[in-house]
Amino acid sequence: MLCRLIMLLCGLWLSLLSAFVDAEKLKLTIESTKGEPKGTVIIQLLPEKAPNHVARIKLLTNEGKYDGVVFHRVIRDFMAQTGDVKFGNVKNFKSASVGTGGSDYDDLKAELSDLPFTPGTVGMARGRYIH
């Protein structure tokens, strides 16, 4: 299953194609809006650390919910944030609300781990209240 994400980074719209390499690896291929390849990122999912979050990422990816979702917050040398399928889609982008929405599914309970957030680590943003 492929899904297309749109990314606004340094003033340039980039497209991401994502697909599962295998059951626990998500492959993101970064392309320009002209379809030129710009790079690939493979995310190793860790179901033993966060089984419900991994299942949700797979579900939303397979449903195409990330199609057209922008990277709404980018801080150089720190992080890039995306995934707001409610307010972050380019078709219905709401700048005042992006980053506060979610999916149509119930919120997940926190699955905190002992893994450090070193460069290259991917995590799920938490809201104000940890369940």
C-alpha atoms as a PDB file:
ATOM      1  CA  MET A   1       0.000   0.000   0.000  1.00  0.00           C
ATOM      2  CA  LEU A   2       1.446   3.338  -0.988  1.00  0.00           C
ATOM      3  CA  CYS A   3       0.467   6.591   0.594  1.00  0.00           C
ATOM      4  CA  ARG A   4       1.527  10.042  -0.453  1.00  0.00           C
ATOM      5  CA  LEU A   5       2.494  12.701   2.044  1.00  0.00           C
ATOM      6  CA  ILE A   6       3.287  16.293   1.188  1.00  0.00           C
ATOM      7  CA  MET A   7       6.058  18.044   3.043  1.00  0.00           C
ATOM      8  CA  LEU A   8       6.773  21.766   3.314  1.00  0.00           C
ATOM      9  CA  LEU A   9      10.439  22.051   4.188  1.00  0.00           C
ATOM     10  CA  CYS A  10      12.605  25.107   3.594  1.00  0.00           C
ATOM     11  CA  GLY A  11       9.921  26.571   1.342  1.00  0.00           C
ATOM     12  CA  LEU A  12       9.837  23.540  -0.974  1.00  0.00           C
ATOM     13  CA  TRP A  13       6.915  21.143  -1.280  1.00  0.00           C
ATOM     14  CA  LEU A  14       8.195  17.589  -1.279  1.00  0.00           C
ATOM     15  CA  SER A  15       6.216  14.412  -1.727  1.00  0.00           C
ATOM     16  CA  LEU A  16       6.769  11.280   0.326  1.00  0.00           C
ATOM     17  CA  LEU A  17       5.769   7.825  -0.806  1.00  0.00           C
ATOM     18  CA  SER A  18       5.509   5.344   2.023  1.00  0.00           C
ATOM     19  CA  ALA A  19       5.171   1.601   1.894  1.00  0.00           C
ATOM     20  CA  PHE A  20       6.004  -1.288   4.149  1.00  0.00           C
ATOM     21  CA  VAL A  21       9.319  -2.970   3.300  1.00  0.00           C
ATOM     22  CA  ASP A  22       8.298  -5.803   5.613  1.00  0.00           C
ATOM     23  CA  ALA A  23       6.027  -6.137   8.630  1.00  0.00           C
ATOM     24  CA  GLU A  24       8.195  -3.950  10.860  1.00  0.00           C
ATOM     25  CA  LYS A  25       9.850  -1.480   8.460  1.00  0.00           C
ATOM     26  CA  LEU A  26       8.210   1.549   6.896  1.00  0.00           C
ATOM     27  CA  LYS A  27       9.971   2.977   3.834  1.00  0.00           C
ATOM     28  CA  LEU A  28       9.582   6.673   3.013  1.00  0.00           C
ATOM     29  CA  THR A  29      10.776   7.833  -0.385  1.00  0.00           C
ATOM     30  CA  ILE A  30      11.175  11.582  -0.641  1.00  0.00           C
ATOM     31  CA  GLU A  31      10.392  13.090  -4.034  1.00  0.00           C
ATOM     32  CA  SER A  32      10.088  16.601  -5.397  1.00  0.00           C
ATOM     33  CA  THR A  33       6.717  17.690  -6.741  1.00  0.00           C
ATOM     34  CA  LYS A  34       8.141  16.874 -10.178  1.00  0.00           C
ATOM     35  CA  GLY A  35       8.631  13.250  -9.106  1.00  0.00           C
ATOM     36  CA  GLU A  36      12.410  13.503  -8.804  1.00  0.00           C
ATOM     37  CA  PRO A  37      13.790  11.201  -6.079  1.00  0.00           C
ATOM     38  CA  LYS A  38      15.402  13.126  -3.230  1.00  0.00           C
ATOM     39  CA  GLY A  39      16.122  10.354  -0.723  1.00  0.00           C
ATOM     40  CA  THR A  40      14.810   7.398   1.219  1.00  0.00           C
ATOM     41  CA  VAL A  41      14.209   6.870   4.921  1.00  0.00           C
ATOM     42  CA  ILE A  42      13.514   3.462   6.458  1.00  0.00           C
ATOM     43  CA  ILE A  43      11.776   3.519   9.837  1.00  0.00           C
ATOM     44  CA  GLN A  44      12.260   0.417  11.956  1.00  0.00           C
ATOM     45  CA  LEU A  45       9.055  -0.081  13.927  1.00  0.00           C
ATOM     46  CA  LEU A  46       9.441  -1.597  17.412  1.00  0.00           C
ATOM     47  CA  PRO A  47       6.227  -3.431  18.340  1.00  0.00           C
ATOM     48  CA  GLU A  48       7.907  -4.892  21.417  1.00  0.00           C
ATOM     49  CA  LYS A  49       8.250  -1.318  22.784  1.00  0.00           C
ATOM     50  CA  ALA A  50       4.996   0.235  21.553  1.00  0.00           C
ATOM     51  CA  PRO A  51       2.660  -2.393  20.068  1.00  0.00           C
ATOM     52  CA  ASN A  52      -0.437  -0.189  19.946  1.00  0.00           C
ATOM     53  CA  HIS A  53       1.386   2.737  18.335  1.00  0.00           C
ATOM     54  CA  VAL A  54       2.963   0.473  15.708  1.00  0.00           C
ATOM     55  CA  ALA A  55      -0.445  -1.038  14.957  1.00  0.00           C
ATOM     56  CA  ARG A  56      -1.951   2.466  14.588  1.00  0.00           C
ATOM     57  CA  ILE A  57       0.804   3.631  12.214  1.00  0.00           C
ATOM     58  CA  LYS A  58       0.230   0.536  10.075  1.00  0.00           C
ATOM     59  CA  LEU A  59      -3.541   1.013  10.111  1.00  0.00           C
ATOM     60  CA  LEU A  60      -3.405   4.689   9.133  1.00  0.00           C
ATOM     61  CA  THR A  61      -0.776   4.055   6.457  1.00  0.00           C
ATOM     62  CA  ASN A  62      -2.779   1.203   4.930  1.00  0.00           C
ATOM     63  CA  GLU A  63      -5.938   3.340   4.970  1.00  0.00           C
ATOM     64  CA  GLY A  64      -4.119   6.152   3.156  1.00  0.00           C
ATOM     65  CA  LYS A  65      -4.827   8.599   5.980  1.00  0.00           C
ATOM     66  CA  TYR A  66      -1.410  10.227   5.643  1.00  0.00           C
ATOM     67  CA  ASP A  67      -1.996  11.073   1.972  1.00  0.00           C
ATOM     68  CA  GLY A  68      -1.391  14.802   1.566  1.00  0.00           C
ATOM     69  CA  VAL A  69      -0.459  15.422   5.209  1.00  0.00           C
ATOM     70  CA  VAL A  70       2.209  18.119   5.602  1.00  0.00           C
ATOM     71  CA  PHE A  71       5.179  18.370   7.899  1.00  0.00           C
ATOM     72  CA  HIS A  72       3.750  21.273   9.878  1.00  0.00           C
ATOM     73  CA  ARG A  73       6.643  21.883  12.255  1.00  0.00           C
ATOM     74  CA  VAL A  74      10.315  21.656  11.364  1.00  0.00           C
ATOM     75  CA  ILE A  75      13.063  22.732  13.741  1.00  0.00           C
ATOM     76  CA  ARG A  76      16.513  22.460  12.201  1.00  0.00           C
ATOM     77  CA  ASP A  77      18.832  19.979  13.916  1.00  0.00           C
ATOM     78  CA  PHE A  78      16.004  18.914  16.241  1.00  0.00           C
ATOM     79  CA  MET A  79      12.855  17.457  14.710  1.00  0.00           C
ATOM     80  CA  ALA A  80      10.216  17.420  11.976  1.00  0.00           C
ATOM     81  CA  GLN A  81       6.597  16.877  12.963  1.00  0.00           C
ATOM     82  CA  THR A  82       3.781  15.457  10.841  1.00  0.00           C
ATOM     83  CA  GLY A  83       0.835  13.125  11.120  1.00  0.00           C
ATOM     84  CA  ASP A  84      -2.102  15.412  11.853  1.00  0.00           C
ATOM     85  CA  VAL A  85      -4.595  13.668   9.596  1.00  0.00           C
ATOM     86  CA  LYS A  86      -7.433  15.930  10.797  1.00  0.00           C
ATOM     87  CA  PHE A  87      -6.045  19.441  10.191  1.00  0.00           C
ATOM     88  CA  GLY A  88      -2.739  18.853   8.368  1.00  0.00           C
ATOM     89  CA  ASN A  89      -3.874  17.706   4.944  1.00  0.00           C
ATOM     90  CA  VAL A  90      -3.082  20.082   2.086  1.00  0.00           C
ATOM     91  CA  LYS A  91      -6.667  19.750   0.870  1.00  0.00           C
ATOM     92  CA  ASN A  92      -8.135  21.114   4.118  1.00  0.00           C
ATOM     93  CA  PHE A  93      -5.076  22.594   5.872  1.00  0.00           C
ATOM     94  CA  LYS A  94      -5.994  24.683   8.915  1.00  0.00           C
ATOM     95  CA  SER A  95      -2.906  26.568  10.066  1.00  0.00           C
ATOM     96  CA  ALA A  96      -4.485  27.643  13.374  1.00  0.00           C
ATOM     97  CA  SER A  97      -5.284  24.032  14.303  1.00  0.00           C
ATOM     98  CA  VAL A  98      -2.625  21.889  12.632  1.00  0.00           C
ATOM     99  CA  GLY A  99      -0.789  19.797  15.198  1.00  0.00           C
ATOM    100  CA  THR A 100      -3.801  19.525  17.492  1.00  0.00           C
ATOM    101  CA  GLY A 101      -5.859  17.020  15.524  1.00  0.00           C
ATOM    102  CA  GLY A 102      -5.725  13.283  15.274  1.00  0.00           C
ATOM    103  CA  SER A 103      -7.454  10.431  13.538  1.00  0.00           C
ATOM    104  CA  ASP A 104     -11.021   9.241  13.917  1.00  0.00           C
ATOM    105  CA  TYR A 105      -9.831   6.507  16.267  1.00  0.00           C
ATOM    106  CA  ASP A 106      -9.693   6.691  20.068  1.00  0.00           C
ATOM    107  CA  ASP A 107      -6.528   8.144  21.575  1.00  0.00           C
ATOM    108  CA  LEU A 108      -3.888   5.587  22.463  1.00  0.00           C
ATOM    109  CA  LYS A 109      -2.658   5.064  25.986  1.00  0.00           C
ATOM    110  CA  ALA A 110       0.959   6.076  26.536  1.00  0.00           C
ATOM    111  CA  GLU A 111       3.558   3.430  25.736  1.00  0.00           C
ATOM    112  CA  LEU A 112       6.628   5.017  27.273  1.00  0.00           C
ATOM    113  CA  SER A 113       9.924   3.195  26.854  1.00  0.00           C
ATOM    114  CA  ASP A 114      13.476   3.315  28.103  1.00  0.00           C
ATOM    115  CA  LEU A 115      14.867   4.120  24.661  1.00  0.00           C
ATOM    116  CA  PRO A 116      16.641   7.497  24.395  1.00  0.00           C
ATOM    117  CA  PHE A 117      15.685  10.010  21.718  1.00  0.00           C
ATOM    118  CA  THR A 118      18.978  10.086  19.870  1.00  0.00           C
ATOM    119  CA  PRO A 119      19.321  11.460  16.314  1.00  0.00           C
ATOM    120  CA  GLY A 120      17.306   9.288  13.944  1.00  0.00           C
ATOM    121  CA  THR A 121      14.742   8.235  16.534  1.00  0.00           C
ATOM    122  CA  VAL A 122      11.067   8.499  15.568  1.00  0.00           C
ATOM    123  CA  GLY A 123       8.385   8.942  18.203  1.00  0.00           C
ATOM    124  CA  MET A 124       4.732   9.802  18.606  1.00  0.00           C
ATOM    125  CA  ALA A 125       3.888  13.238  19.955  1.00  0.00           C
ATOM    126  CA  ARG A 126       1.831  13.232  23.121  1.00  0.00           C
ATOM    127  CA  GLY A 127      -0.934  15.639  23.953  1.00  0.00           C
ATOM    128  CA  ARG A 128      -1.232  17.537  27.170  1.00  0.00           C
ATOM    129  CA  TYR A 129      -2.704  14.549  28.991  1.00  0.00           C
ATOM    130  CA  ILE A 130      -0.979  11.195  29.029  1.00  0.00           C
ATOM    131  CA  HIS A 131      -3.582   8.433  29.236  1.00  0.00           C
END
